[in-house]
Protein backbone atom coordinates (compact mmCIF):
# COMPACT_ATOMS: atom_id res chain seq x y z
CA UNK A 1 -6.19 -29.20 28.49
CA UNK A 2 -6.01 -26.01 30.31
CA UNK A 3 -7.08 -22.87 28.59
CA UNK A 4 -4.73 -20.28 28.18
CA UNK A 5 -5.08 -16.89 29.99
CA UNK A 6 -6.55 -14.30 27.84
CA UNK A 7 -4.34 -11.31 26.85
CA UNK A 8 -6.70 -8.79 25.58
CA UNK A 9 -5.42 -6.09 23.31
CA UNK A 10 -7.43 -2.78 23.94
CA UNK A 11 -10.23 -2.14 21.54
CA UNK A 12 -8.81 1.12 20.60
CA UNK A 13 -5.49 -0.46 19.37
CA UNK A 14 -7.50 -3.06 17.37
CA UNK A 15 -9.20 -0.63 15.42
CA UNK A 16 -5.99 0.98 14.43
CA UNK A 17 -3.86 -1.93 13.78
CA UNK A 18 -3.14 -2.93 10.13
CA UNK A 19 -2.07 -6.66 10.61
CA UNK A 20 -1.58 -9.16 8.19
CA UNK A 21 -4.45 -11.07 6.95
CA UNK A 22 -4.98 -14.63 8.13
CA UNK A 23 -3.88 -17.37 5.85
CA UNK A 24 -6.36 -17.79 2.84
CA UNK A 25 -8.22 -20.84 2.22
CA UNK A 26 -7.32 -22.97 -0.71
CA UNK A 27 -10.59 -22.78 -2.53
CA UNK A 28 -9.31 -25.40 -5.09
CA UNK A 29 -8.69 -27.90 -2.54
CA UNK A 30 -11.85 -27.00 -0.59
CA UNK A 31 -13.92 -27.29 -3.78
CA UNK A 32 -12.56 -30.79 -4.24
CA UNK A 33 -13.17 -31.65 -0.61
CA UNK A 34 -16.66 -30.71 -0.93
CA UNK A 35 -17.13 -32.85 -3.95
CA UNK A 36 -15.97 -35.80 -2.47
CA UNK A 37 -18.19 -35.18 0.44
CA UNK A 38 -21.13 -34.96 -2.03
CA UNK A 39 -20.24 -38.29 -3.67
CA UNK A 40 -20.16 -40.01 -0.31
CA UNK A 41 -23.52 -38.55 0.90
CA UNK A 42 -25.07 -39.50 -2.58
CA UNK A 43 -23.61 -42.99 -2.15
CA UNK A 44 -25.00 -43.35 1.37
CA UNK A 45 -28.60 -42.16 0.24
CA UNK A 46 -28.55 -44.79 -2.49
CA UNK A 47 -27.45 -47.50 -0.07
CA UNK A 48 -30.11 -46.39 2.48
CA UNK A 49 -32.74 -46.54 -0.23
CA UNK A 50 -31.80 -50.15 -1.27
CA UNK A 51 -31.77 -51.30 2.20
CA UNK A 52 -35.24 -49.79 2.73
CA UNK A 53 -36.48 -51.39 -0.48
CA UNK A 54 -34.97 -55.07 0.48
CA UNK A 55 -36.60 -54.86 3.90
CA UNK A 56 -40.14 -53.92 2.49
CA UNK A 57 -39.81 -56.73 -0.06
CA UNK A 58 -38.72 -59.09 2.82
CA UNK A 59 -41.85 -58.05 4.78
CA UNK A 60 -43.96 -58.82 1.67
CA UNK A 61 -42.27 -62.15 1.35
CA UNK A 62 -44.09 -63.34 4.52
CA UNK A 63 -43.33 -67.07 5.34
CA UNK A 64 -41.34 -67.70 2.25
CA UNK A 65 -38.13 -68.54 4.07
CA UNK A 66 -36.01 -68.93 0.91
CA UNK A 67 -36.78 -65.41 -0.35
CA UNK A 68 -36.39 -64.03 3.41
CA UNK A 69 -32.98 -65.57 3.77
CA UNK A 70 -32.06 -64.01 0.21
CA UNK A 71 -33.38 -60.68 1.21
CA UNK A 72 -31.43 -60.90 4.58
CA UNK A 73 -28.29 -61.66 2.82
CA UNK A 74 -28.67 -58.64 0.67
CA UNK A 75 -29.46 -56.50 3.50
CA UNK A 76 -26.44 -57.47 5.33
CA UNK A 77 -24.14 -57.09 2.47
CA UNK A 78 -25.62 -53.45 2.04
CA UNK A 79 -25.38 -52.65 5.49
CA UNK A 80 -21.92 -53.58 5.66
CA UNK A 81 -21.09 -51.38 2.64
CA UNK A 82 -23.10 -48.37 4.33
CA UNK A 83 -20.93 -48.76 7.30
CA UNK A 84 -17.86 -48.40 5.09
CA UNK A 85 -19.54 -45.39 3.28
CA UNK A 86 -20.28 -43.74 6.46
CA UNK A 87 -16.63 -43.77 7.45
CA UNK A 88 -15.64 -42.21 4.16
CA UNK A 89 -18.37 -39.79 4.63
CA UNK A 90 -17.21 -38.81 7.90
CA UNK A 91 -13.40 -38.53 6.75
CA UNK A 92 -14.77 -36.35 3.77
CA UNK A 93 -16.60 -34.15 6.08
CA UNK A 94 -13.64 -33.83 8.28
CA UNK A 95 -11.48 -33.04 5.08
CA UNK A 96 -13.88 -30.09 4.26
CA UNK A 97 -13.58 -28.71 7.80
CA UNK A 98 -9.93 -28.80 7.80
CA UNK A 99 -9.40 -27.50 4.34
CA UNK A 100 -11.88 -24.63 4.99
CA UNK A 101 -10.17 -23.76 8.40
CA UNK A 102 -13.02 -24.93 10.80
CA UNK A 103 -10.84 -26.75 13.05
CA UNK A 104 -12.99 -26.14 15.97
CA UNK A 105 -15.65 -28.42 14.17
CA UNK A 106 -13.01 -31.27 14.46
CA UNK A 107 -12.53 -30.93 18.36
CA UNK A 108 -14.63 -31.34 21.41
CA UNK A 109 -14.61 -30.66 25.10
CA UNK A 110 -11.56 -28.82 26.65
CA UNK A 111 -9.53 -29.50 23.35
CA UNK A 112 -12.08 -27.19 21.56
CA UNK A 113 -11.96 -24.52 24.23
CA UNK A 114 -8.27 -24.35 24.23
CA UNK A 115 -8.05 -24.13 20.40
CA UNK A 116 -10.80 -21.42 20.20
CA UNK A 117 -8.94 -19.56 23.08
CA UNK A 118 -5.54 -19.70 21.36
CA UNK A 119 -6.79 -18.98 17.89
CA UNK A 120 -8.68 -15.84 19.25
CA UNK A 121 -5.40 -14.61 20.90
CA UNK A 122 -3.01 -15.12 18.07
CA UNK A 123 -5.77 -13.83 15.77
CA UNK A 124 -5.58 -10.43 17.80
CA UNK A 125 -1.89 -10.52 16.93
CA UNK A 126 -2.51 -10.60 13.36
CA UNK A 127 -1.57 -14.43 13.11
CA UNK A 128 -4.90 -16.01 12.27
CA UNK A 129 -2.81 -18.16 9.82
CA UNK A 130 -1.39 -20.33 12.68
CA UNK A 131 -4.84 -21.83 13.33
CA UNK A 132 -3.92 -24.82 11.45
CA UNK A 133 -0.69 -25.33 13.52
CA UNK A 134 -2.64 -24.70 16.61
CA UNK A 135 -4.98 -27.37 15.67
CA UNK A 136 -2.14 -29.64 15.04
CA UNK A 137 -0.51 -29.11 18.30
CA UNK A 138 -3.92 -29.48 20.25
CA UNK A 139 -4.31 -32.91 18.25
CA UNK A 140 -0.93 -34.01 19.48
CA UNK A 141 -1.93 -33.44 23.08
CA UNK A 142 0.05 -30.41 23.74
CA UNK A 143 -1.16 -28.04 26.76
CA UNK A 144 -2.14 -24.29 25.86
CA UNK A 145 1.19 -23.05 27.57
CA UNK A 146 3.48 -25.21 25.43
CA UNK A 147 1.57 -24.53 22.23
CA UNK A 148 2.13 -20.76 23.01
CA UNK A 149 5.79 -21.42 23.15
CA UNK A 150 5.98 -23.68 20.02
CA UNK A 151 4.09 -20.98 18.09
CA UNK A 152 6.80 -18.42 19.01
CA UNK A 153 9.30 -20.50 17.18
CA UNK A 154 7.12 -20.17 13.66
CA UNK A 155 8.25 -18.11 11.07
CA UNK A 156 4.97 -16.22 10.91
CA UNK A 157 5.44 -15.34 14.66
CA UNK A 158 8.90 -14.05 14.14
CA UNK A 159 8.08 -12.20 10.97
CA UNK A 160 5.29 -10.50 12.97
CA UNK A 161 7.13 -9.51 15.97
CA UNK A 162 10.55 -9.14 13.83
CA UNK A 163 11.58 -6.23 16.04
CA UNK A 164 11.96 -8.56 19.23
CA UNK A 165 14.42 -10.61 17.28
CA UNK A 166 16.54 -7.51 16.91
CA UNK A 167 16.11 -6.52 20.33
CA UNK A 168 17.27 -9.76 21.76
CA UNK A 169 20.40 -9.68 19.54
CA UNK A 170 21.10 -6.18 20.99
CA UNK A 171 20.58 -7.09 24.57
CA UNK A 172 17.47 -5.31 24.88
CA UNK A 173 14.27 -6.70 26.74
CA UNK A 174 11.68 -8.43 24.63
CA UNK A 175 8.37 -7.07 24.47
CA UNK A 176 5.31 -9.10 25.18
CA UNK A 177 2.90 -9.38 22.28
CA UNK A 178 0.44 -6.86 24.17
CA UNK A 179 3.17 -4.33 24.70
CA UNK A 180 4.46 -4.80 21.17
CA UNK A 181 1.03 -4.00 19.70
CA UNK A 182 0.57 -1.01 22.06
CA UNK A 183 3.78 0.46 21.02
CA UNK A 184 2.93 0.16 17.40
CA UNK A 185 -0.34 1.79 18.14
CA UNK A 186 1.24 4.74 19.71
CA UNK A 187 3.55 5.34 16.91
CA UNK A 188 0.62 5.09 14.63
CA UNK A 189 -1.51 7.66 16.71
CA UNK A 190 1.38 10.24 16.53
CA UNK A 191 1.79 9.98 12.88
CA UNK A 192 -1.71 10.01 12.25
CA UNK A 193 -2.23 12.94 14.42
CA UNK A 194 0.19 14.69 12.26
CA UNK A 195 -1.91 14.09 9.27
CA UNK A 196 0.64 11.88 7.42
CA UNK A 197 -0.74 10.20 4.19
CA UNK A 198 -2.24 6.89 3.87
CA UNK A 199 0.54 4.46 2.95
CA UNK A 200 3.15 6.26 4.96
CA UNK A 201 4.28 4.31 8.18
CA UNK A 202 1.03 2.50 8.89
CA UNK A 203 2.00 -1.06 8.54
CA UNK A 204 3.69 -3.15 11.33
CA UNK A 205 6.50 -3.68 9.10
CA UNK A 206 7.33 -0.01 9.19
CA UNK A 207 7.86 0.00 12.82
CA UNK A 208 10.15 -2.88 13.19
CA UNK A 209 13.22 -0.80 12.99
CA UNK A 210 11.94 1.74 15.64
CA UNK A 211 11.02 -1.28 18.08
CA UNK A 212 14.37 -2.94 17.32
CA UNK A 213 16.11 0.35 18.08
CA UNK A 214 14.12 0.88 21.28
CA UNK A 215 12.69 4.17 20.06
CA UNK A 216 10.11 5.39 22.04
CA UNK A 217 6.68 7.03 21.02
CA UNK A 218 7.83 10.27 22.55
CA UNK A 219 10.97 10.34 20.48
CA UNK A 220 8.86 9.92 17.31
CA UNK A 221 6.54 12.56 18.49
CA UNK A 222 9.64 14.84 18.70
CA UNK A 223 10.74 13.93 15.11
CA UNK A 224 7.16 14.70 13.94
CA UNK A 225 6.94 17.97 15.71
CA UNK A 226 10.37 19.01 14.12
CA UNK A 227 8.93 17.91 10.62
CA UNK A 228 5.68 19.95 11.17
CA UNK A 229 7.95 22.90 12.28
CA UNK A 230 10.00 22.66 9.11
CA UNK A 231 6.95 22.54 6.98
CA UNK A 232 5.55 25.69 8.67
CA UNK A 233 8.79 27.47 7.70
CA UNK A 234 8.22 26.78 3.82
CA UNK A 235 7.61 29.55 1.84
CA UNK A 236 3.99 30.31 0.85
CA UNK A 237 4.94 30.19 -2.79
CA UNK A 238 6.50 26.92 -2.39
CA UNK A 239 3.34 25.48 -0.88
CA UNK A 240 1.02 27.29 -3.39
CA UNK A 241 3.14 25.61 -6.06
CA UNK A 242 2.79 22.12 -4.83
CA UNK A 243 -0.96 22.59 -4.12
CA UNK A 244 -1.47 23.96 -7.81
CA UNK A 245 0.61 21.23 -9.47
CA UNK A 246 -0.20 18.18 -7.37
CA UNK A 247 -2.67 18.99 -4.74
CA UNK A 248 0.02 18.14 -2.10
CA UNK A 249 -0.92 19.73 1.17
CA UNK A 250 1.20 20.38 4.22
CA UNK A 251 0.46 16.82 5.63
CA UNK A 252 2.38 15.43 2.69
CA UNK A 253 5.19 17.95 2.97
CA UNK A 254 5.54 16.71 6.83
CA UNK A 255 5.92 13.26 5.30
CA UNK A 256 8.60 14.45 3.04
CA UNK A 257 10.58 16.17 5.81
CA UNK A 258 10.15 13.46 8.38
CA UNK A 259 11.85 10.96 6.36
CA UNK A 260 13.44 12.08 3.15
CA UNK A 261 14.60 8.85 1.83
CA UNK A 262 11.18 6.93 2.27
CA UNK A 263 9.44 9.88 0.76
CA UNK A 264 11.61 10.23 -2.25
CA UNK A 265 9.75 7.82 -4.69
CA UNK A 266 6.62 9.80 -4.05
CA UNK A 267 7.77 13.43 -3.24
CA UNK A 268 11.25 14.07 -4.59
CA UNK A 269 10.41 14.98 -7.96
CA UNK A 270 7.32 16.91 -6.95
CA UNK A 271 9.33 18.85 -4.39
CA UNK A 272 12.26 19.96 -6.89
CA UNK A 273 9.48 20.85 -9.44
CA UNK A 274 7.56 22.77 -6.72
CA UNK A 275 10.62 24.70 -5.74
CA UNK A 276 11.02 25.80 -9.57
CA UNK A 277 7.08 26.61 -9.71
CA UNK A 278 7.51 28.60 -6.53
CA UNK A 279 10.08 30.80 -8.49
CA UNK A 280 7.62 31.22 -11.32
CA UNK A 281 4.59 32.20 -9.11
CA UNK A 282 6.80 34.59 -7.18
CA UNK A 283 7.38 36.41 -10.61
CA UNK A 284 3.77 36.14 -11.63
CA UNK A 285 4.11 33.17 -14.02
CA UNK A 286 2.25 30.04 -14.20
CA UNK A 287 3.20 26.56 -13.08
CA UNK A 288 2.88 23.73 -15.69
CA UNK A 289 3.52 20.44 -14.15
CA UNK A 290 4.97 18.59 -17.01
CA UNK A 291 7.45 21.47 -18.04
CA UNK A 292 8.54 22.00 -14.45
CA UNK A 293 9.24 18.27 -13.97
CA UNK A 294 11.21 18.17 -16.91
CA UNK A 295 13.25 21.21 -15.62
CA UNK A 296 13.57 19.35 -12.24
CA UNK A 297 14.80 16.23 -13.94
CA UNK A 298 17.52 18.26 -15.65
CA UNK A 299 18.67 19.16 -11.98
CA UNK A 300 17.46 22.77 -12.19
CA UNK A 301 17.87 24.25 -8.75
CA UNK A 302 15.63 26.45 -6.74
CA UNK A 303 18.60 29.12 -6.84
CA UNK A 304 18.82 28.62 -10.76
CA UNK A 305 15.08 28.79 -11.17
CA UNK A 306 14.80 32.21 -9.01
CA UNK A 307 17.76 33.71 -11.27
CA UNK A 308 16.20 32.54 -14.40
CA UNK A 309 12.56 33.86 -13.69
CA UNK A 310 13.96 37.31 -12.62
CA UNK A 311 15.47 37.44 -15.98
CA UNK A 312 12.62 36.11 -17.74
CA UNK A 313 10.35 38.52 -15.97
CA UNK A 314 12.72 41.59 -16.68
CA UNK A 315 12.43 40.99 -20.57
CA UNK A 316 9.14 38.98 -20.94
CA UNK A 317 6.83 42.13 -21.80
CA UNK A 318 9.31 43.35 -24.37
CA UNK A 319 9.54 39.97 -26.04
CA UNK A 320 5.84 39.81 -26.25
CA UNK A 321 5.86 43.19 -27.95
CA UNK A 322 8.73 42.14 -30.34
CA UNK A 323 6.91 39.01 -31.35
CA UNK A 324 3.75 40.74 -32.01
CA UNK A 325 5.41 43.17 -34.32
CA UNK A 326 6.55 40.34 -36.42
CA UNK A 327 3.53 38.28 -36.27
CA UNK A 328 4.31 35.59 -34.15
CA UNK A 329 4.10 34.88 -30.33
CA UNK A 330 6.45 34.46 -27.39
CA UNK A 331 5.26 32.12 -24.67
CA UNK A 332 6.13 31.40 -20.93
CA UNK A 333 7.35 28.00 -22.12
CA UNK A 334 9.60 29.54 -24.84
CA UNK A 335 11.19 31.82 -22.34
CA UNK A 336 11.91 29.07 -19.87
CA UNK A 337 13.31 27.10 -22.51
CA UNK A 338 15.46 29.85 -23.73
CA UNK A 339 17.31 29.70 -20.46
CA UNK A 340 16.70 26.13 -19.10
CA UNK A 341 17.08 24.04 -22.41
CA UNK A 342 18.51 26.13 -25.01
CA UNK A 343 18.52 23.37 -27.80
CA UNK A 344 15.04 22.01 -27.26
CA UNK A 345 12.67 22.87 -30.13
CA UNK A 346 9.10 24.17 -29.40
CA UNK A 347 7.29 21.96 -32.18
CA UNK A 348 8.75 23.82 -35.07
CA UNK A 349 12.17 23.47 -36.80
CA UNK A 350 13.88 26.15 -34.38
CA UNK A 351 14.49 26.10 -30.67
CA UNK A 352 13.30 28.56 -28.26
CA UNK A 353 16.83 30.07 -28.02
CA UNK A 354 17.13 30.15 -31.83
CA UNK A 355 13.62 31.93 -32.05
CA UNK A 356 14.68 34.49 -29.40
CA UNK A 357 17.81 35.36 -31.04
CA UNK A 358 16.10 35.73 -34.37
CA UNK A 359 13.32 38.07 -32.78
CA UNK A 360 15.85 40.17 -31.18
CA UNK A 361 17.94 40.37 -34.31
CA UNK A 362 15.13 41.35 -36.26
CA UNK A 363 14.34 44.19 -33.69
CA UNK A 364 17.95 45.30 -33.74
CA UNK A 365 18.16 45.44 -37.41
CA UNK A 366 14.74 47.30 -37.52
CA UNK A 367 15.86 49.73 -34.79
CA UNK A 368 19.25 50.29 -36.87
CA UNK A 369 17.39 50.98 -40.10
CA UNK A 370 15.03 53.28 -38.54
CA UNK A 371 17.82 55.24 -36.88
CA UNK A 372 19.92 55.24 -40.35
CA UNK A 373 16.80 56.74 -42.09
CA UNK A 374 16.62 59.53 -39.81
CA UNK A 375 20.34 60.20 -39.76
CA UNK A 376 20.17 60.25 -43.81
CA UNK A 377 17.25 62.58 -43.73
CA UNK A 378 19.07 65.14 -41.36
CA UNK A 379 22.33 64.76 -43.61
CA UNK A 380 20.17 65.48 -46.50
CA UNK A 381 18.85 68.61 -45.04
CA UNK A 382 22.01 70.13 -43.73
CA UNK A 383 23.41 69.58 -47.44
CA UNK A 384 20.64 71.75 -48.71
CA UNK A 385 21.62 74.73 -46.58
């Protein structure tokens, strides 16, 4: 059998590729195979010991032909059994190799060389799980080139290079494995250079659509550059809010702008809450994560938040003074809830809206009472003159 031509994937690509792991060994089956092997080995040792013992006794029997013939018969019987045990032992050993994926130990000569070359090649593609099928094809006598073609029809190969399936249907040229991997690596390099978070477009499955649509790494770089530019235009308070609330840096924002739909599960609520937080920070208030996320869930927009915090800022100091005069407090949360969630309670029996109305009503009543007393005093003075 001829050895396939090596199609080496560059080392720099190998380090960056996050390829599917090779097929896992069935540990239960391997344990059973090893147990069967151990039993056959034990049986063979017992038979060897018995044969050695009979041979020793036969030698001691000397010229006693009756005993010698009896020992010879026993030895012949044991040797026949030992041959059968050796056959079982060899089969058990092969089963251990096969179950453990050590297929190269089951082959020799050109067949072994061809197997190892194909295993190495497809291992570079992230298809180490095909080793068993390569072994089967080698045993069946197929040549390396034929095996390579047969493997391309496997489910594993088609899944790994799914972009090629779509390209073929679209009438585009199919990429050979080395070019396919090089394209993935180029995508990954562009995205990695932009500082995208781990888990965001760093798996071969993520690149399938781009490869299928014949999107070049240059075009991807253009998209990333636009995303980075959009991030740079985000206002400082917005960035500050996301950093204070979640520790989100500009790299995470790039991921959000690059692919909103994909980033939504991670960043959508954070981005909305960050916009509200930016409005709070701009007016000198703090950014409480849980509160702001609850407002974001209610659908509070950045514009609504800007208007609300402008209103809160205008009257917050006055409300602090009023609350202090009546022996209570007035917090940022209460001021926010008064506008964002008027019906929500603050842990007591009244809502923030009700508390705000009560304090303002008390202040108006106090002010009205003080003014009334002054007028009455003046009137009294006028009456005396």
